[in-house]
Amino acid sequence: FFYAEELFAAPIHWGFVVLGWGFFALGGFFLQCISRVRVLTTAVYENPKMNVENQPS
């Protein structure tokens, strides 16, 4: 009885596994994006001469 029930319910849970791995992937992607934006914004604020606004036209 229990073996047949587990075989019947197993495909229903595959979506949760895919969503779990998807959230792990998106979490890592967003962490890398946020760290890169932080590096770039500190570089812009430390070098005001390199800003586009201060370039001669």
PDB file of N, CA and C in Angstrom:
ATOM      1  N   PHE A   1       0.829  -1.208   0.000  1.00  0.00           N
ATOM      2  CA  PHE A   1       0.000   0.000   0.000  1.00  0.00           C
ATOM      3  C   PHE A   1       0.867   1.262   0.000  1.00  0.00           C
ATOM      4  N   PHE A   2       1.861   1.320   0.867  1.00  0.00           N
ATOM      5  CA  PHE A   2       2.663   2.530   0.973  1.00  0.00           C
ATOM      6  C   PHE A   2       3.565   2.718  -0.247  1.00  0.00           C
ATOM      7  N   TYR A   3       4.049   1.612  -0.807  1.00  0.00           N
ATOM      8  CA  TYR A   3       4.919   1.722  -1.976  1.00  0.00           C
ATOM      9  C   TYR A   3       4.171   2.320  -3.168  1.00  0.00           C
ATOM     10  N   ALA A   4       2.969   1.863  -3.404  1.00  0.00           N
ATOM     11  CA  ALA A   4       2.185   2.400  -4.518  1.00  0.00           C
ATOM     12  C   ALA A   4       1.825   3.862  -4.282  1.00  0.00           C
ATOM     13  N   GLU A   5       1.556   4.211  -3.044  1.00  0.00           N
ATOM     14  CA  GLU A   5       1.208   5.598  -2.745  1.00  0.00           C
ATOM     15  C   GLU A   5       2.398   6.524  -2.981  1.00  0.00           C
ATOM     16  N   GLU A   6       3.598   6.082  -2.632  1.00  0.00           N
ATOM     17  CA  GLU A   6       4.781   6.905  -2.856  1.00  0.00           C
ATOM     18  C   GLU A   6       5.062   7.070  -4.347  1.00  0.00           C
ATOM     19  N   LEU A   7       4.832   6.039  -5.122  1.00  0.00           N
ATOM     20  CA  LEU A   7       5.036   6.170  -6.567  1.00  0.00           C
ATOM     21  C   LEU A   7       4.018   7.121  -7.183  1.00  0.00           C
ATOM     22  N   PHE A   8       2.819   7.139  -6.642  1.00  0.00           N
ATOM     23  CA  PHE A   8       1.790   8.023  -7.175  1.00  0.00           C
ATOM     24  C   PHE A   8       2.082   9.484  -6.842  1.00  0.00           C
ATOM     25  N   ALA A   9       2.602   9.765  -5.652  1.00  0.00           N
ATOM     26  CA  ALA A   9       2.791  11.143  -5.205  1.00  0.00           C
ATOM     27  C   ALA A   9       4.151  11.724  -5.595  1.00  0.00           C
ATOM     28  N   ALA A  10       5.092  10.909  -6.018  1.00  0.00           N
ATOM     29  CA  ALA A  10       6.438  11.405  -6.297  1.00  0.00           C
ATOM     30  C   ALA A  10       6.471  12.474  -7.389  1.00  0.00           C
ATOM     31  N   PRO A  11       5.809  12.310  -8.526  1.00  0.00           N
ATOM     32  CA  PRO A  11       5.888  13.351  -9.562  1.00  0.00           C
ATOM     33  C   PRO A  11       5.296  14.689  -9.129  1.00  0.00           C
ATOM     34  N   ILE A  12       4.400  14.674  -8.175  1.00  0.00           N
ATOM     35  CA  ILE A  12       3.801  15.927  -7.704  1.00  0.00           C
ATOM     36  C   ILE A  12       4.852  16.811  -7.043  1.00  0.00           C
ATOM     37  N   HIS A  13       5.844  16.216  -6.409  1.00  0.00           N
ATOM     38  CA  HIS A  13       6.832  16.977  -5.652  1.00  0.00           C
ATOM     39  C   HIS A  13       8.023  17.419  -6.489  1.00  0.00           C
ATOM     40  N   TRP A  14       8.101  17.001  -7.738  1.00  0.00           N
ATOM     41  CA  TRP A  14       9.231  17.404  -8.570  1.00  0.00           C
ATOM     42  C   TRP A  14       9.263  18.911  -8.775  1.00  0.00           C
ATOM     43  N   GLY A  15       8.130  19.539  -8.820  1.00  0.00           N
ATOM     44  CA  GLY A  15       8.089  20.991  -8.979  1.00  0.00           C
ATOM     45  C   GLY A  15       8.726  21.720  -7.818  1.00  0.00           C
ATOM     46  N   PHE A  16       8.535  21.191  -6.606  1.00  0.00           N
ATOM     47  CA  PHE A  16       9.154  21.815  -5.440  1.00  0.00           C
ATOM     48  C   PHE A  16      10.671  21.709  -5.500  1.00  0.00           C
ATOM     49  N   VAL A  17      11.174  20.613  -6.006  1.00  0.00           N
ATOM     50  CA  VAL A  17      12.625  20.450  -6.151  1.00  0.00           C
ATOM     51  C   VAL A  17      13.163  21.444  -7.172  1.00  0.00           C
ATOM     52  N   VAL A  18      12.482  21.577  -8.284  1.00  0.00           N
ATOM     53  CA  VAL A  18      12.916  22.524  -9.324  1.00  0.00           C
ATOM     54  C   VAL A  18      12.864  23.952  -8.791  1.00  0.00           C
ATOM     55  N   LEU A  19      11.802  24.287  -8.069  1.00  0.00           N
ATOM     56  CA  LEU A  19      11.711  25.633  -7.497  1.00  0.00           C
ATOM     57  C   LEU A  19      12.805  25.881  -6.465  1.00  0.00           C
ATOM     58  N   GLY A  20      13.117  24.871  -5.669  1.00  0.00           N
ATOM     59  CA  GLY A  20      14.182  25.024  -4.676  1.00  0.00           C
ATOM     60  C   GLY A  20      15.523  25.310  -5.325  1.00  0.00           C
ATOM     61  N   TRP A  21      15.880  24.522  -6.342  1.00  0.00           N
ATOM     62  CA  TRP A  21      17.140  24.767  -7.039  1.00  0.00           C
ATOM     63  C   TRP A  21      17.117  26.102  -7.774  1.00  0.00           C
ATOM     64  N   GLY A  22      15.963  26.477  -8.284  1.00  0.00           N
ATOM     65  CA  GLY A  22      15.846  27.769  -8.958  1.00  0.00           C
ATOM     66  C   GLY A  22      16.081  28.934  -8.014  1.00  0.00           C
ATOM     67  N   PHE A  23      15.550  28.823  -6.792  1.00  0.00           N
ATOM     68  CA  PHE A  23      15.775  29.885  -5.812  1.00  0.00           C
ATOM     69  C   PHE A  23      17.235  29.948  -5.383  1.00  0.00           C
ATOM     70  N   PHE A  24      17.891  28.791  -5.275  1.00  0.00           N
ATOM     71  CA  PHE A  24      19.324  28.802  -4.976  1.00  0.00           C
ATOM     72  C   PHE A  24      20.100  29.499  -6.092  1.00  0.00           C
ATOM     73  N   ALA A  25      19.762  29.214  -7.326  1.00  0.00           N
ATOM     74  CA  ALA A  25      20.458  29.826  -8.460  1.00  0.00           C
ATOM     75  C   ALA A  25      20.219  31.328  -8.503  1.00  0.00           C
ATOM     76  N   LEU A  26      18.974  31.747  -8.325  1.00  0.00           N
ATOM     77  CA  LEU A  26      18.679  33.184  -8.344  1.00  0.00           C
ATOM     78  C   LEU A  26      19.322  33.903  -7.169  1.00  0.00           C
ATOM     79  N   GLY A  27      19.364  33.248  -6.015  1.00  0.00           N
ATOM     80  CA  GLY A  27      20.014  33.856  -4.854  1.00  0.00           C
ATOM     81  C   GLY A  27      21.489  34.104  -5.103  1.00  0.00           C
ATOM     82  N   GLY A  28      22.180  33.128  -5.676  1.00  0.00           N
ATOM     83  CA  GLY A  28      23.593  33.311  -5.996  1.00  0.00           C
ATOM     84  C   GLY A  28      23.815  34.379  -7.042  1.00  0.00           C
ATOM     85  N   PHE A  29      22.939  34.409  -8.033  1.00  0.00           N
ATOM     86  CA  PHE A  29      23.047  35.429  -9.080  1.00  0.00           C
ATOM     87  C   PHE A  29      22.867  36.827  -8.499  1.00  0.00           C
ATOM     88  N   PHE A  30      21.862  37.009  -7.650  1.00  0.00           N
ATOM     89  CA  PHE A  30      21.630  38.325  -7.060  1.00  0.00           C
ATOM     90  C   PHE A  30      22.752  38.727  -6.114  1.00  0.00           C
ATOM     91  N   LEU A  31      23.326  37.783  -5.387  1.00  0.00           N
ATOM     92  CA  LEU A  31      24.462  38.119  -4.529  1.00  0.00           C
ATOM     93  C   LEU A  31      25.649  38.604  -5.358  1.00  0.00           C
ATOM     94  N   GLN A  32      25.911  37.958  -6.477  1.00  0.00           N
ATOM     95  CA  GLN A  32      27.006  38.402  -7.336  1.00  0.00           C
ATOM     96  C   GLN A  32      26.715  39.763  -7.949  1.00  0.00           C
ATOM     97  N   CYS A  33      25.474  39.997  -8.348  1.00  0.00           N
ATOM     98  CA  CYS A  33      25.107  41.302  -8.916  1.00  0.00           C
ATOM     99  C   CYS A  33      25.260  42.409  -7.886  1.00  0.00           C
ATOM    100  N   ILE A  34      24.792  42.171  -6.675  1.00  0.00           N
ATOM    101  CA  ILE A  34      24.867  43.193  -5.632  1.00  0.00           C
ATOM    102  C   ILE A  34      26.315  43.485  -5.268  1.00  0.00           C
ATOM    103  N   SER A  35      27.156  42.444  -5.182  1.00  0.00           N
ATOM    104  CA  SER A  35      28.557  42.692  -4.853  1.00  0.00           C
ATOM    105  C   SER A  35      29.254  43.466  -5.974  1.00  0.00           C
ATOM    106  N   ARG A  36      28.912  43.182  -7.224  1.00  0.00           N
ATOM    107  CA  ARG A  36      29.534  43.905  -8.341  1.00  0.00           C
ATOM    108  C   ARG A  36      29.077  45.358  -8.383  1.00  0.00           C
ATOM    109  N   VAL A  37      27.803  45.601  -8.136  1.00  0.00           N
ATOM    110  CA  VAL A  37      27.294  46.975  -8.103  1.00  0.00           C
ATOM    111  C   VAL A  37      27.967  47.744  -6.973  1.00  0.00           C
ATOM    112  N   ARG A  38      28.194  47.084  -5.851  1.00  0.00           N
ATOM    113  CA  ARG A  38      28.874  47.744  -4.727  1.00  0.00           C
ATOM    114  C   ARG A  38      30.298  48.135  -5.114  1.00  0.00           C
ATOM    115  N   VAL A  39      31.013  47.245  -5.780  1.00  0.00           N
ATOM    116  CA  VAL A  39      32.380  47.554  -6.215  1.00  0.00           C
ATOM    117  C   VAL A  39      32.378  48.717  -7.201  1.00  0.00           C
ATOM    118  N   LEU A  40      31.461  48.700  -8.144  1.00  0.00           N
ATOM    119  CA  LEU A  40      31.432  49.765  -9.151  1.00  0.00           C
ATOM    120  C   LEU A  40      31.027  51.105  -8.560  1.00  0.00           C
ATOM    121  N   THR A  41      30.074  51.118  -7.637  1.00  0.00           N
ATOM    122  CA  THR A  41      29.665  52.395  -7.049  1.00  0.00           C
ATOM    123  C   THR A  41      30.754  52.978  -6.168  1.00  0.00           C
ATOM    124  N   THR A  42      31.488  52.140  -5.443  1.00  0.00           N
ATOM    125  CA  THR A  42      32.595  52.692  -4.656  1.00  0.00           C
ATOM    126  C   THR A  42      33.691  53.222  -5.565  1.00  0.00           C
ATOM    127  N   ALA A  43      33.931  52.578  -6.702  1.00  0.00           N
ATOM    128  CA  ALA A  43      34.945  53.072  -7.637  1.00  0.00           C
ATOM    129  C   ALA A  43      34.530  54.410  -8.225  1.00  0.00           C
ATOM    130  N   VAL A  44      33.253  54.593  -8.499  1.00  0.00           N
ATOM    131  CA  VAL A  44      32.775  55.860  -9.061  1.00  0.00           C
ATOM    132  C   VAL A  44      32.893  56.970  -8.033  1.00  0.00           C
ATOM    133  N   TYR A  45      32.527  56.695  -6.794  1.00  0.00           N
ATOM    134  CA  TYR A  45      32.560  57.745  -5.779  1.00  0.00           C
ATOM    135  C   TYR A  45      33.974  58.063  -5.310  1.00  0.00           C
ATOM    136  N   GLU A  46      34.910  57.128  -5.451  1.00  0.00           N
ATOM    137  CA  GLU A  46      36.290  57.402  -5.057  1.00  0.00           C
ATOM    138  C   GLU A  46      37.051  58.168  -6.138  1.00  0.00           C
ATOM    139  N   ASN A  47      36.627  58.085  -7.388  1.00  0.00           N
ATOM    140  CA  ASN A  47      37.295  58.769  -8.498  1.00  0.00           C
ATOM    141  C   ASN A  47      36.315  59.714  -9.183  1.00  0.00           C
ATOM    142  N   PRO A  48      36.075  60.881  -8.615  1.00  0.00           N
ATOM    143  CA  PRO A  48      35.100  61.784  -9.239  1.00  0.00           C
ATOM    144  C   PRO A  48      35.562  62.313 -10.594  1.00  0.00           C
ATOM    145  N   LYS A  49      36.865  62.281 -10.883  1.00  0.00           N
ATOM    146  CA  LYS A  49      37.357  62.753 -12.175  1.00  0.00           C
ATOM    147  C   LYS A  49      36.909  61.841 -13.313  1.00  0.00           C
ATOM    148  N   MET A  50      36.632  60.598 -12.997  1.00  0.00           N
ATOM    149  CA  MET A  50      36.269  59.626 -14.020  1.00  0.00           C
ATOM    150  C   MET A  50      34.774  59.602 -14.311  1.00  0.00           C
ATOM    151  N   ASN A  51      33.982  60.381 -13.606  1.00  0.00           N
ATOM    152  CA  ASN A  51      32.540  60.397 -13.830  1.00  0.00           C
ATOM    153  C   ASN A  51      32.209  60.978 -15.197  1.00  0.00           C
ATOM    154  N   VAL A  52      31.137  60.551 -15.768  1.00  0.00           N
ATOM    155  CA  VAL A  52      30.709  61.045 -17.074  1.00  0.00           C
ATOM    156  C   VAL A  52      30.261  62.494 -16.969  1.00  0.00           C
ATOM    157  N   GLU A  53      29.698  62.873 -15.843  1.00  0.00           N
ATOM    158  CA  GLU A  53      29.197  64.238 -15.674  1.00  0.00           C
ATOM    159  C   GLU A  53      30.322  65.260 -15.714  1.00  0.00           C
ATOM    160  N   ASN A  54      31.515  64.874 -15.291  1.00  0.00           N
ATOM    161  CA  ASN A  54      32.631  65.812 -15.222  1.00  0.00           C
ATOM    162  C   ASN A  54      33.469  65.838 -16.500  1.00  0.00           C
ATOM    163  N   GLN A  55      33.094  65.092 -17.508  1.00  0.00           N
ATOM    164  CA  GLN A  55      33.856  65.059 -18.747  1.00  0.00           C
ATOM    165  C   GLN A  55      33.607  66.344 -19.547  1.00  0.00           C
ATOM    166  N   PRO A  56      34.633  66.874 -20.189  1.00  0.00           N
ATOM    167  CA  PRO A  56      34.410  68.061 -21.031  1.00  0.00           C
ATOM    168  C   PRO A  56      33.595  67.698 -22.261  1.00  0.00           C
ATOM    169  N   SER A  57      32.745  68.599 -22.693  1.00  0.00           N
ATOM    170  CA  SER A  57      31.887  68.302 -23.843  1.00  0.00           C
ATOM    171  C   SER A  57      32.427  68.846 -25.138  1.00  0.00           C
TER     172      SER A  57
END
